[in-house]
N, C-alpha and C. Protein backbone atom coordinates (compact mmCIF):
# COMPACT_ATOMS: atom_id res chain seq x y z
N MET A 1 36.00 -77.20 6.28
CA MET A 1 35.11 -77.37 5.26
C MET A 1 34.48 -76.05 4.72
N LYS A 2 34.19 -76.02 3.49
CA LYS A 2 33.47 -74.83 2.89
C LYS A 2 32.04 -74.77 3.26
N ALA A 3 31.53 -73.76 3.25
CA ALA A 3 30.05 -73.63 3.60
C ALA A 3 29.21 -74.16 2.51
N SER A 4 29.59 -74.21 1.34
CA SER A 4 28.80 -74.74 0.22
C SER A 4 28.74 -76.31 0.47
N LEU A 5 29.86 -76.79 0.81
CA LEU A 5 29.86 -78.37 1.00
C LEU A 5 28.81 -78.69 2.16
N ILE A 6 28.84 -77.94 3.27
CA ILE A 6 27.95 -78.24 4.36
C ILE A 6 26.56 -78.06 3.90
N ILE A 7 26.25 -76.92 3.28
CA ILE A 7 24.92 -76.66 2.76
C ILE A 7 24.41 -77.63 1.81
N GLY A 8 25.26 -78.15 1.00
CA GLY A 8 24.87 -79.23 -0.01
C GLY A 8 24.56 -80.52 0.75
N LEU A 9 25.33 -80.87 1.74
CA LEU A 9 25.13 -82.16 2.48
C LEU A 9 23.83 -82.04 3.24
N VAL A 10 23.58 -80.83 3.82
CA VAL A 10 22.26 -80.66 4.71
C VAL A 10 21.05 -80.70 3.69
N LEU A 11 21.17 -80.22 2.48
CA LEU A 11 20.07 -80.21 1.54
C LEU A 11 19.91 -81.58 1.16
N ILE A 12 20.89 -82.26 0.81
CA ILE A 12 20.89 -83.71 0.40
C ILE A 12 20.10 -84.45 1.37
N ALA A 13 20.46 -84.38 2.73
CA ALA A 13 19.83 -85.18 3.72
C ALA A 13 18.49 -84.78 3.87
N GLY A 14 18.12 -83.43 3.78
CA GLY A 14 16.86 -83.13 3.85
C GLY A 14 15.94 -83.54 2.76
N GLY A 15 16.46 -83.59 1.47
CA GLY A 15 15.68 -84.12 0.32
C GLY A 15 15.41 -85.63 0.54
N VAL A 16 16.35 -86.36 1.00
CA VAL A 16 16.23 -87.84 1.18
C VAL A 16 15.05 -88.01 2.28
N LEU A 17 15.12 -87.07 3.33
CA LEU A 17 14.21 -87.24 4.43
C LEU A 17 12.74 -86.98 3.94
N LEU A 18 12.69 -86.03 3.17
CA LEU A 18 11.31 -85.57 2.57
C LEU A 18 10.83 -86.61 1.62
N ILE A 19 11.63 -87.38 0.84
CA ILE A 19 11.23 -88.40 -0.03
C ILE A 19 10.80 -89.53 0.87
N ALA A 20 11.67 -89.94 1.86
CA ALA A 20 11.26 -91.19 2.61
C ALA A 20 10.03 -90.92 3.50
N HIS A 21 9.99 -89.68 4.22
CA HIS A 21 8.84 -89.46 5.05
C HIS A 21 8.18 -88.14 4.78
N PRO A 22 7.47 -87.99 3.83
CA PRO A 22 6.85 -86.75 3.50
C PRO A 22 5.89 -86.14 4.65
N PRO A 23 6.07 -84.82 5.04
CA PRO A 23 5.23 -84.44 6.15
C PRO A 23 3.80 -84.16 5.67
N HIS A 24 2.81 -84.18 6.68
CA HIS A 24 1.45 -83.86 6.42
C HIS A 24 1.10 -82.48 6.90
N TYR A 25 0.24 -81.84 6.25
CA TYR A 25 -0.35 -80.62 6.63
C TYR A 25 -1.84 -80.52 6.51
N ASN A 26 -2.49 -79.68 7.25
CA ASN A 26 -3.91 -79.55 7.10
C ASN A 26 -4.23 -78.32 6.18
N SER A 27 -5.20 -78.54 5.26
CA SER A 27 -5.66 -77.50 4.37
C SER A 27 -7.10 -77.26 4.79
N ARG A 28 -7.50 -75.90 5.03
CA ARG A 28 -8.78 -75.65 5.42
C ARG A 28 -9.44 -74.82 4.12
N GLN A 29 -10.57 -75.23 3.81
CA GLN A 29 -11.25 -74.46 2.59
C GLN A 29 -12.63 -74.14 3.15
N LYS A 30 -13.00 -72.98 2.73
CA LYS A 30 -14.36 -72.38 3.07
C LYS A 30 -15.27 -72.76 1.96
N LEU A 31 -16.25 -73.56 2.18
CA LEU A 31 -17.37 -73.87 1.05
C LEU A 31 -18.26 -72.92 0.87
N PHE A 32 -19.03 -72.35 1.81
CA PHE A 32 -19.92 -71.23 1.64
C PHE A 32 -20.04 -70.44 2.91
N LYS A 33 -20.66 -69.29 2.75
CA LYS A 33 -20.90 -68.45 3.91
C LYS A 33 -22.20 -67.62 3.75
N ILE A 34 -23.14 -67.91 4.48
CA ILE A 34 -24.41 -67.17 4.34
C ILE A 34 -24.72 -66.45 5.65
N GLY A 35 -24.62 -65.37 5.71
CA GLY A 35 -24.88 -64.60 7.13
C GLY A 35 -23.95 -64.98 8.11
N GLY A 36 -24.37 -65.51 9.14
CA GLY A 36 -23.52 -66.07 10.26
C GLY A 36 -23.15 -67.54 10.22
N LEU A 37 -23.63 -68.14 9.14
CA LEU A 37 -23.53 -69.63 8.90
C LEU A 37 -22.58 -69.86 7.76
N GLN A 38 -21.64 -70.69 8.12
CA GLN A 38 -20.52 -70.92 7.11
C GLN A 38 -20.15 -72.45 7.29
N ALA A 39 -19.66 -73.04 6.14
CA ALA A 39 -19.20 -74.35 6.10
C ALA A 39 -17.73 -74.45 5.76
N THR A 40 -16.98 -75.18 6.47
CA THR A 40 -15.48 -75.37 6.10
C THR A 40 -15.14 -76.83 6.10
N VAL A 41 -14.19 -77.16 5.29
CA VAL A 41 -13.73 -78.53 5.05
C VAL A 41 -12.26 -78.54 5.42
N THR A 42 -11.84 -79.42 6.37
CA THR A 42 -10.37 -79.57 6.66
C THR A 42 -9.87 -80.94 6.12
N GLN A 43 -8.81 -80.93 5.38
CA GLN A 43 -8.28 -82.10 4.70
C GLN A 43 -6.73 -82.19 5.03
N GLU A 44 -6.44 -83.35 5.41
CA GLU A 44 -5.06 -83.64 5.66
C GLU A 44 -4.42 -83.89 4.32
N ARG A 45 -3.33 -83.25 4.03
CA ARG A 45 -2.68 -83.45 2.80
C ARG A 45 -1.22 -83.76 3.01
N THR A 46 -0.57 -84.36 2.05
CA THR A 46 0.96 -84.72 2.09
C THR A 46 1.62 -83.90 1.09
N LEU A 47 2.78 -83.55 1.62
CA LEU A 47 3.80 -82.75 0.69
C LEU A 47 4.21 -83.69 -0.44
N PRO A 48 3.95 -83.08 -1.65
CA PRO A 48 4.28 -83.85 -2.90
C PRO A 48 5.77 -84.41 -3.00
N GLY A 49 5.83 -85.55 -3.59
CA GLY A 49 7.34 -86.08 -3.69
C GLY A 49 8.22 -85.31 -4.50
N TRP A 50 7.82 -84.53 -5.42
CA TRP A 50 8.73 -83.65 -6.25
C TRP A 50 9.31 -82.66 -5.35
N ALA A 51 8.73 -82.31 -4.32
CA ALA A 51 9.43 -81.28 -3.43
C ALA A 51 10.65 -81.81 -2.91
N GLY A 52 10.71 -82.96 -2.32
CA GLY A 52 11.82 -83.72 -1.84
C GLY A 52 12.89 -83.86 -2.95
N GLY A 53 12.46 -84.26 -4.20
CA GLY A 53 13.38 -84.46 -5.27
C GLY A 53 14.05 -83.20 -5.68
N THR A 54 13.29 -82.06 -5.62
CA THR A 54 13.87 -80.77 -5.90
C THR A 54 14.91 -80.36 -4.88
N VAL A 55 14.67 -80.55 -3.55
CA VAL A 55 15.66 -80.24 -2.50
C VAL A 55 16.88 -81.12 -2.73
N LEU A 56 16.69 -82.28 -3.00
CA LEU A 56 17.73 -83.27 -3.21
C LEU A 56 18.63 -82.81 -4.42
N GLY A 57 18.01 -82.52 -5.55
CA GLY A 57 18.65 -82.00 -6.65
C GLY A 57 19.50 -80.71 -6.48
N ILE A 58 18.89 -79.90 -5.71
CA ILE A 58 19.49 -78.50 -5.44
C ILE A 58 20.76 -78.77 -4.48
N GLY A 59 20.62 -79.69 -3.55
CA GLY A 59 21.70 -80.14 -2.69
C GLY A 59 22.87 -80.86 -3.52
N LEU A 60 22.61 -81.65 -4.43
CA LEU A 60 23.65 -82.20 -5.27
C LEU A 60 24.29 -81.01 -6.18
N GLY A 61 23.48 -80.16 -6.61
CA GLY A 61 24.04 -79.08 -7.47
C GLY A 61 25.09 -78.26 -6.60
N VAL A 62 24.64 -77.83 -5.39
CA VAL A 62 25.34 -77.11 -4.50
C VAL A 62 26.74 -77.81 -4.08
N LEU A 63 26.62 -79.00 -3.87
CA LEU A 63 27.77 -79.86 -3.43
C LEU A 63 28.83 -80.03 -4.60
N ALA A 64 28.26 -80.19 -5.82
CA ALA A 64 28.99 -80.30 -7.07
C ALA A 64 29.77 -78.90 -7.28
N LEU A 65 29.01 -77.84 -7.02
CA LEU A 65 29.73 -76.59 -7.26
C LEU A 65 30.84 -76.34 -6.14
N GLY A 66 30.44 -76.69 -5.04
CA GLY A 66 31.50 -76.58 -3.96
C GLY A 66 32.85 -77.51 -4.20
N LEU A 67 32.54 -78.69 -4.74
CA LEU A 67 33.76 -79.44 -4.97
C LEU A 67 34.44 -78.94 -6.22
N ALA A 68 33.77 -78.25 -7.25
CA ALA A 68 34.51 -77.86 -8.40
C ALA A 68 35.31 -76.64 -8.00
N LYS A 69 34.91 -75.88 -7.05
CA LYS A 69 35.52 -74.64 -6.76
C LYS A 69 36.80 -74.94 -5.92
N LYS A 70 36.86 -76.08 -5.35
CA LYS A 70 37.94 -76.53 -4.35
C LYS A 70 39.16 -76.83 -5.16
N ARG A 71 38.88 -77.34 -6.51
CA ARG A 71 40.17 -77.70 -7.30
C ARG A 71 40.86 -76.61 -7.86
């Protein structure tokens, strides 16, 4: 198999996984700092759905290019 076909399939699988189960991450923001006193807020956020769609689209494009070069 060509490398482009394998990379395309891996990206497609990763995109589908990101759409089905988007990962969570923590975001920390500093509200204010006065001398030695500071206040921060930690929020749990989810990776947006368009990120998985983008990875999926790129994977489909790489796969299509790999199949087109094969002919």
